[in-house]
Amino acid sequence: MQRFETFAQFYPFYLGEHANRTCRRLHFIGSLGVLALVALAVLSGNAWWLLLVPLIGYGCAWVGHFYFEKNRPATFTHPWYSLLGDWRMFADILRGRVRL
């Protein structure tokens, strides 16, 4: 297992683990789904929607890794940096810094 002292060191590795365009798209869809579920929970006042957050967020990402990228998600070895990486990549896609 590779060790990283900072998120800044981890993020290039994270991007390398998402070289497949379909994998990145599935991550983006999963992140949008998470945001939609959080909004739905807040707007409806029904917190039960939040139970679907891990299923949608990780489900989309893991399908991308296992079927398209053909690697193990970084979540298994670097859970916190991986979560930060998901949202950083999402923001970088919106900014046009990472291709979708």
N, C-alpha and C. Protein backbone atom coordinates (compact mmCIF):
# COMPACT_ATOMS: atom_id res chain seq x y z
N MET A 1 0.84 -1.18 0.00
CA MET A 1 0.00 0.00 0.00
C MET A 1 0.89 1.25 0.00
N GLN A 2 0.61 2.14 -0.90
CA GLN A 2 1.36 3.38 -1.01
C GLN A 2 0.93 4.33 0.11
N ARG A 3 1.88 5.04 0.71
CA ARG A 3 1.59 5.98 1.80
C ARG A 3 1.69 7.40 1.26
N PHE A 4 0.77 8.23 1.73
CA PHE A 4 0.75 9.64 1.34
C PHE A 4 0.71 10.48 2.60
N GLU A 5 1.55 11.49 2.66
CA GLU A 5 1.60 12.38 3.82
C GLU A 5 0.51 13.45 3.76
N THR A 6 0.16 13.85 2.54
CA THR A 6 -0.83 14.93 2.37
C THR A 6 -1.79 14.58 1.25
N PHE A 7 -2.91 15.28 1.25
CA PHE A 7 -3.86 15.10 0.16
C PHE A 7 -3.25 15.57 -1.17
N ALA A 8 -2.44 16.60 -1.12
CA ALA A 8 -1.78 17.11 -2.34
C ALA A 8 -0.91 16.03 -2.98
N GLN A 9 -0.30 15.18 -2.18
CA GLN A 9 0.47 14.06 -2.71
C GLN A 9 -0.44 12.96 -3.24
N PHE A 10 -1.57 12.78 -2.60
CA PHE A 10 -2.50 11.71 -2.96
C PHE A 10 -3.26 12.00 -4.27
N TYR A 11 -3.64 13.24 -4.48
CA TYR A 11 -4.55 13.55 -5.58
C TYR A 11 -4.02 13.16 -6.97
N PRO A 12 -2.77 13.36 -7.31
CA PRO A 12 -2.29 12.86 -8.62
C PRO A 12 -2.44 11.34 -8.75
N PHE A 13 -2.15 10.62 -7.66
CA PHE A 13 -2.38 9.17 -7.65
C PHE A 13 -3.86 8.87 -7.90
N TYR A 14 -4.73 9.59 -7.21
CA TYR A 14 -6.17 9.41 -7.35
C TYR A 14 -6.61 9.61 -8.81
N LEU A 15 -6.14 10.68 -9.42
CA LEU A 15 -6.49 10.94 -10.83
C LEU A 15 -5.99 9.83 -11.74
N GLY A 16 -4.81 9.29 -11.43
CA GLY A 16 -4.28 8.18 -12.21
C GLY A 16 -5.14 6.93 -12.11
N GLU A 17 -5.80 6.77 -10.99
CA GLU A 17 -6.70 5.63 -10.79
C GLU A 17 -8.05 5.84 -11.48
N HIS A 18 -8.23 7.00 -12.09
CA HIS A 18 -9.47 7.35 -12.80
C HIS A 18 -9.18 7.76 -14.24
N ALA A 19 -8.29 7.02 -14.88
CA ALA A 19 -7.90 7.34 -16.26
C ALA A 19 -9.01 7.02 -17.25
N ASN A 20 -9.85 6.05 -16.93
CA ASN A 20 -10.93 5.63 -17.82
C ASN A 20 -12.07 6.64 -17.77
N ARG A 21 -12.46 7.12 -18.93
CA ARG A 21 -13.49 8.16 -19.01
C ARG A 21 -14.84 7.70 -18.46
N THR A 22 -15.22 6.45 -18.72
CA THR A 22 -16.49 5.94 -18.21
C THR A 22 -16.47 5.89 -16.69
N CYS A 23 -15.34 5.52 -16.12
CA CYS A 23 -15.20 5.50 -14.67
C CYS A 23 -15.41 6.91 -14.10
N ARG A 24 -14.77 7.91 -14.70
CA ARG A 24 -14.94 9.29 -14.23
C ARG A 24 -16.39 9.73 -14.38
N ARG A 25 -17.02 9.36 -15.46
CA ARG A 25 -18.43 9.73 -15.66
C ARG A 25 -19.33 9.10 -14.61
N LEU A 26 -19.06 7.84 -14.28
CA LEU A 26 -19.85 7.18 -13.24
C LEU A 26 -19.63 7.85 -11.88
N HIS A 27 -18.40 8.26 -11.59
CA HIS A 27 -18.15 9.01 -10.36
C HIS A 27 -18.95 10.31 -10.34
N PHE A 28 -18.95 11.00 -11.46
CA PHE A 28 -19.66 12.27 -11.55
C PHE A 28 -21.16 12.06 -11.35
N ILE A 29 -21.71 11.04 -11.99
CA ILE A 29 -23.13 10.72 -11.83
C ILE A 29 -23.44 10.37 -10.38
N GLY A 30 -22.58 9.57 -9.76
CA GLY A 30 -22.78 9.22 -8.36
C GLY A 30 -22.75 10.43 -7.46
N SER A 31 -21.82 11.35 -7.70
CA SER A 31 -21.74 12.56 -6.89
C SER A 31 -22.97 13.44 -7.08
N LEU A 32 -23.44 13.56 -8.32
CA LEU A 32 -24.67 14.31 -8.57
C LEU A 32 -25.85 13.65 -7.85
N GLY A 33 -25.88 12.33 -7.87
CA GLY A 33 -26.94 11.60 -7.17
C GLY A 33 -26.91 11.85 -5.68
N VAL A 34 -25.71 11.90 -5.10
CA VAL A 34 -25.57 12.19 -3.67
C VAL A 34 -26.11 13.58 -3.37
N LEU A 35 -25.73 14.56 -4.18
CA LEU A 35 -26.23 15.93 -3.97
C LEU A 35 -27.75 15.99 -4.10
N ALA A 36 -28.30 15.28 -5.07
CA ALA A 36 -29.75 15.26 -5.26
C ALA A 36 -30.45 14.63 -4.06
N LEU A 37 -29.89 13.54 -3.53
CA LEU A 37 -30.49 12.89 -2.37
C LEU A 37 -30.44 13.77 -1.13
N VAL A 38 -29.34 14.46 -0.93
CA VAL A 38 -29.23 15.37 0.21
C VAL A 38 -30.25 16.50 0.07
N ALA A 39 -30.36 17.05 -1.14
CA ALA A 39 -31.36 18.10 -1.37
C ALA A 39 -32.77 17.58 -1.14
N LEU A 40 -33.05 16.39 -1.62
CA LEU A 40 -34.37 15.79 -1.43
C LEU A 40 -34.68 15.58 0.05
N ALA A 41 -33.70 15.12 0.80
CA ALA A 41 -33.88 14.91 2.24
C ALA A 41 -34.18 16.23 2.94
N VAL A 42 -33.42 17.27 2.58
CA VAL A 42 -33.62 18.58 3.21
C VAL A 42 -34.97 19.17 2.82
N LEU A 43 -35.28 19.15 1.52
CA LEU A 43 -36.52 19.79 1.05
C LEU A 43 -37.78 19.05 1.49
N SER A 44 -37.69 17.74 1.60
CA SER A 44 -38.85 16.95 2.00
C SER A 44 -38.95 16.81 3.52
N GLY A 45 -37.85 17.11 4.21
CA GLY A 45 -37.82 16.92 5.65
C GLY A 45 -37.78 15.45 6.04
N ASN A 46 -37.40 14.60 5.09
CA ASN A 46 -37.38 13.16 5.31
C ASN A 46 -35.93 12.66 5.22
N ALA A 47 -35.32 12.42 6.37
CA ALA A 47 -33.92 12.00 6.42
C ALA A 47 -33.70 10.58 5.91
N TRP A 48 -34.75 9.83 5.72
CA TRP A 48 -34.60 8.46 5.21
C TRP A 48 -33.93 8.42 3.85
N TRP A 49 -34.06 9.49 3.06
CA TRP A 49 -33.41 9.55 1.75
C TRP A 49 -31.89 9.43 1.88
N LEU A 50 -31.36 9.85 3.03
CA LEU A 50 -29.91 9.82 3.23
C LEU A 50 -29.36 8.40 3.29
N LEU A 51 -30.21 7.43 3.55
CA LEU A 51 -29.75 6.04 3.56
C LEU A 51 -29.29 5.58 2.18
N LEU A 52 -29.77 6.24 1.15
CA LEU A 52 -29.38 5.89 -0.22
C LEU A 52 -28.06 6.52 -0.66
N VAL A 53 -27.57 7.49 0.11
CA VAL A 53 -26.35 8.21 -0.27
C VAL A 53 -25.17 7.27 -0.51
N PRO A 54 -24.83 6.37 0.43
CA PRO A 54 -23.68 5.49 0.15
C PRO A 54 -23.93 4.54 -1.02
N LEU A 55 -25.15 4.08 -1.16
CA LEU A 55 -25.48 3.16 -2.26
C LEU A 55 -25.26 3.83 -3.62
N ILE A 56 -25.75 5.03 -3.76
CA ILE A 56 -25.62 5.76 -5.03
C ILE A 56 -24.17 6.23 -5.24
N GLY A 57 -23.61 6.87 -4.22
CA GLY A 57 -22.26 7.41 -4.36
C GLY A 57 -21.22 6.35 -4.61
N TYR A 58 -21.15 5.36 -3.71
CA TYR A 58 -20.15 4.32 -3.87
C TYR A 58 -20.54 3.31 -4.95
N GLY A 59 -21.82 3.07 -5.10
CA GLY A 59 -22.27 2.10 -6.12
C GLY A 59 -21.81 2.50 -7.51
N CYS A 60 -22.07 3.74 -7.88
CA CYS A 60 -21.64 4.21 -9.20
C CYS A 60 -20.12 4.17 -9.34
N ALA A 61 -19.42 4.63 -8.32
CA ALA A 61 -17.96 4.67 -8.37
C ALA A 61 -17.37 3.27 -8.48
N TRP A 62 -17.87 2.34 -7.70
CA TRP A 62 -17.31 1.00 -7.69
C TRP A 62 -17.61 0.24 -8.98
N VAL A 63 -18.77 0.48 -9.58
CA VAL A 63 -19.04 -0.11 -10.89
C VAL A 63 -18.00 0.40 -11.89
N GLY A 64 -17.71 1.69 -11.82
CA GLY A 64 -16.69 2.27 -12.69
C GLY A 64 -15.33 1.63 -12.53
N HIS A 65 -14.96 1.35 -11.29
CA HIS A 65 -13.65 0.76 -11.04
C HIS A 65 -13.60 -0.71 -11.43
N PHE A 66 -14.56 -1.48 -11.00
CA PHE A 66 -14.51 -2.93 -11.22
C PHE A 66 -14.75 -3.32 -12.68
N TYR A 67 -15.61 -2.59 -13.39
CA TYR A 67 -15.98 -3.00 -14.75
C TYR A 67 -15.28 -2.21 -15.86
N PHE A 68 -14.88 -0.99 -15.58
CA PHE A 68 -14.28 -0.17 -16.64
C PHE A 68 -12.81 0.14 -16.38
N GLU A 69 -12.49 0.58 -15.18
CA GLU A 69 -11.11 0.92 -14.86
C GLU A 69 -10.29 -0.33 -14.57
N LYS A 70 -10.97 -1.38 -14.09
CA LYS A 70 -10.32 -2.67 -13.77
C LYS A 70 -9.28 -2.52 -12.66
N ASN A 71 -9.62 -1.76 -11.62
CA ASN A 71 -8.75 -1.62 -10.46
C ASN A 71 -9.59 -1.58 -9.18
N ARG A 72 -8.91 -1.63 -8.05
CA ARG A 72 -9.59 -1.54 -6.77
C ARG A 72 -9.76 -0.08 -6.40
N PRO A 73 -10.95 0.30 -5.94
CA PRO A 73 -11.15 1.70 -5.53
C PRO A 73 -10.20 2.09 -4.41
N ALA A 74 -9.72 3.31 -4.45
CA ALA A 74 -8.82 3.82 -3.41
C ALA A 74 -9.51 3.90 -2.06
N THR A 75 -10.83 3.82 -2.06
CA THR A 75 -11.60 3.83 -0.81
C THR A 75 -11.14 2.73 0.14
N PHE A 76 -10.71 1.62 -0.41
CA PHE A 76 -10.33 0.48 0.42
C PHE A 76 -9.01 0.69 1.15
N THR A 77 -8.14 1.52 0.60
CA THR A 77 -6.84 1.73 1.23
C THR A 77 -6.66 3.15 1.80
N HIS A 78 -7.35 4.11 1.23
CA HIS A 78 -7.24 5.51 1.66
C HIS A 78 -8.64 6.13 1.72
N PRO A 79 -9.47 5.71 2.67
CA PRO A 79 -10.88 6.12 2.67
C PRO A 79 -11.12 7.63 2.73
N TRP A 80 -10.41 8.34 3.58
CA TRP A 80 -10.67 9.78 3.72
C TRP A 80 -10.13 10.57 2.54
N TYR A 81 -8.91 10.28 2.14
CA TYR A 81 -8.36 10.96 0.97
C TYR A 81 -9.18 10.64 -0.27
N SER A 82 -9.68 9.42 -0.36
CA SER A 82 -10.49 9.04 -1.50
C SER A 82 -11.79 9.84 -1.55
N LEU A 83 -12.42 10.00 -0.39
CA LEU A 83 -13.65 10.79 -0.34
C LEU A 83 -13.38 12.23 -0.74
N LEU A 84 -12.29 12.79 -0.23
CA LEU A 84 -11.89 14.15 -0.64
C LEU A 84 -11.60 14.19 -2.14
N GLY A 85 -10.95 13.15 -2.64
CA GLY A 85 -10.64 13.07 -4.06
C GLY A 85 -11.87 13.04 -4.93
N ASP A 86 -12.89 12.32 -4.48
CA ASP A 86 -14.16 12.26 -5.23
C ASP A 86 -14.71 13.67 -5.44
N TRP A 87 -14.75 14.44 -4.36
CA TRP A 87 -15.35 15.77 -4.46
C TRP A 87 -14.42 16.76 -5.15
N ARG A 88 -13.12 16.59 -5.00
CA ARG A 88 -12.17 17.45 -5.72
C ARG A 88 -12.27 17.18 -7.22
N MET A 89 -12.34 15.90 -7.61
CA MET A 89 -12.47 15.57 -9.03
C MET A 89 -13.80 16.09 -9.57
N PHE A 90 -14.87 15.98 -8.80
CA PHE A 90 -16.18 16.51 -9.20
C PHE A 90 -16.06 18.01 -9.49
N ALA A 91 -15.43 18.74 -8.56
CA ALA A 91 -15.25 20.18 -8.75
C ALA A 91 -14.34 20.46 -9.95
N ASP A 92 -13.29 19.68 -10.12
CA ASP A 92 -12.39 19.88 -11.25
C ASP A 92 -13.07 19.58 -12.59
N ILE A 93 -13.99 18.64 -12.60
CA ILE A 93 -14.77 18.38 -13.81
C ILE A 93 -15.64 19.59 -14.13
N LEU A 94 -16.31 20.12 -13.10
CA LEU A 94 -17.16 21.31 -13.31
C LEU A 94 -16.35 22.50 -13.79
N ARG A 95 -15.11 22.63 -13.33
CA ARG A 95 -14.24 23.74 -13.73
C ARG A 95 -13.57 23.50 -15.07
N GLY A 96 -13.71 22.31 -15.63
CA GLY A 96 -13.07 21.99 -16.89
C GLY A 96 -11.61 21.57 -16.75
N ARG A 97 -11.15 21.28 -15.55
CA ARG A 97 -9.77 20.89 -15.32
C ARG A 97 -9.55 19.38 -15.53
N VAL A 98 -10.63 18.61 -15.40
CA VAL A 98 -10.60 17.17 -15.65
C VAL A 98 -11.68 16.89 -16.70
N ARG A 99 -11.31 16.12 -17.72
CA ARG A 99 -12.25 15.80 -18.81
C ARG A 99 -13.30 14.81 -18.34
N LEU A 100 -14.51 15.05 -18.77
CA LEU A 100 -15.60 14.13 -18.45
C LEU A 100 -15.85 13.23 -19.62
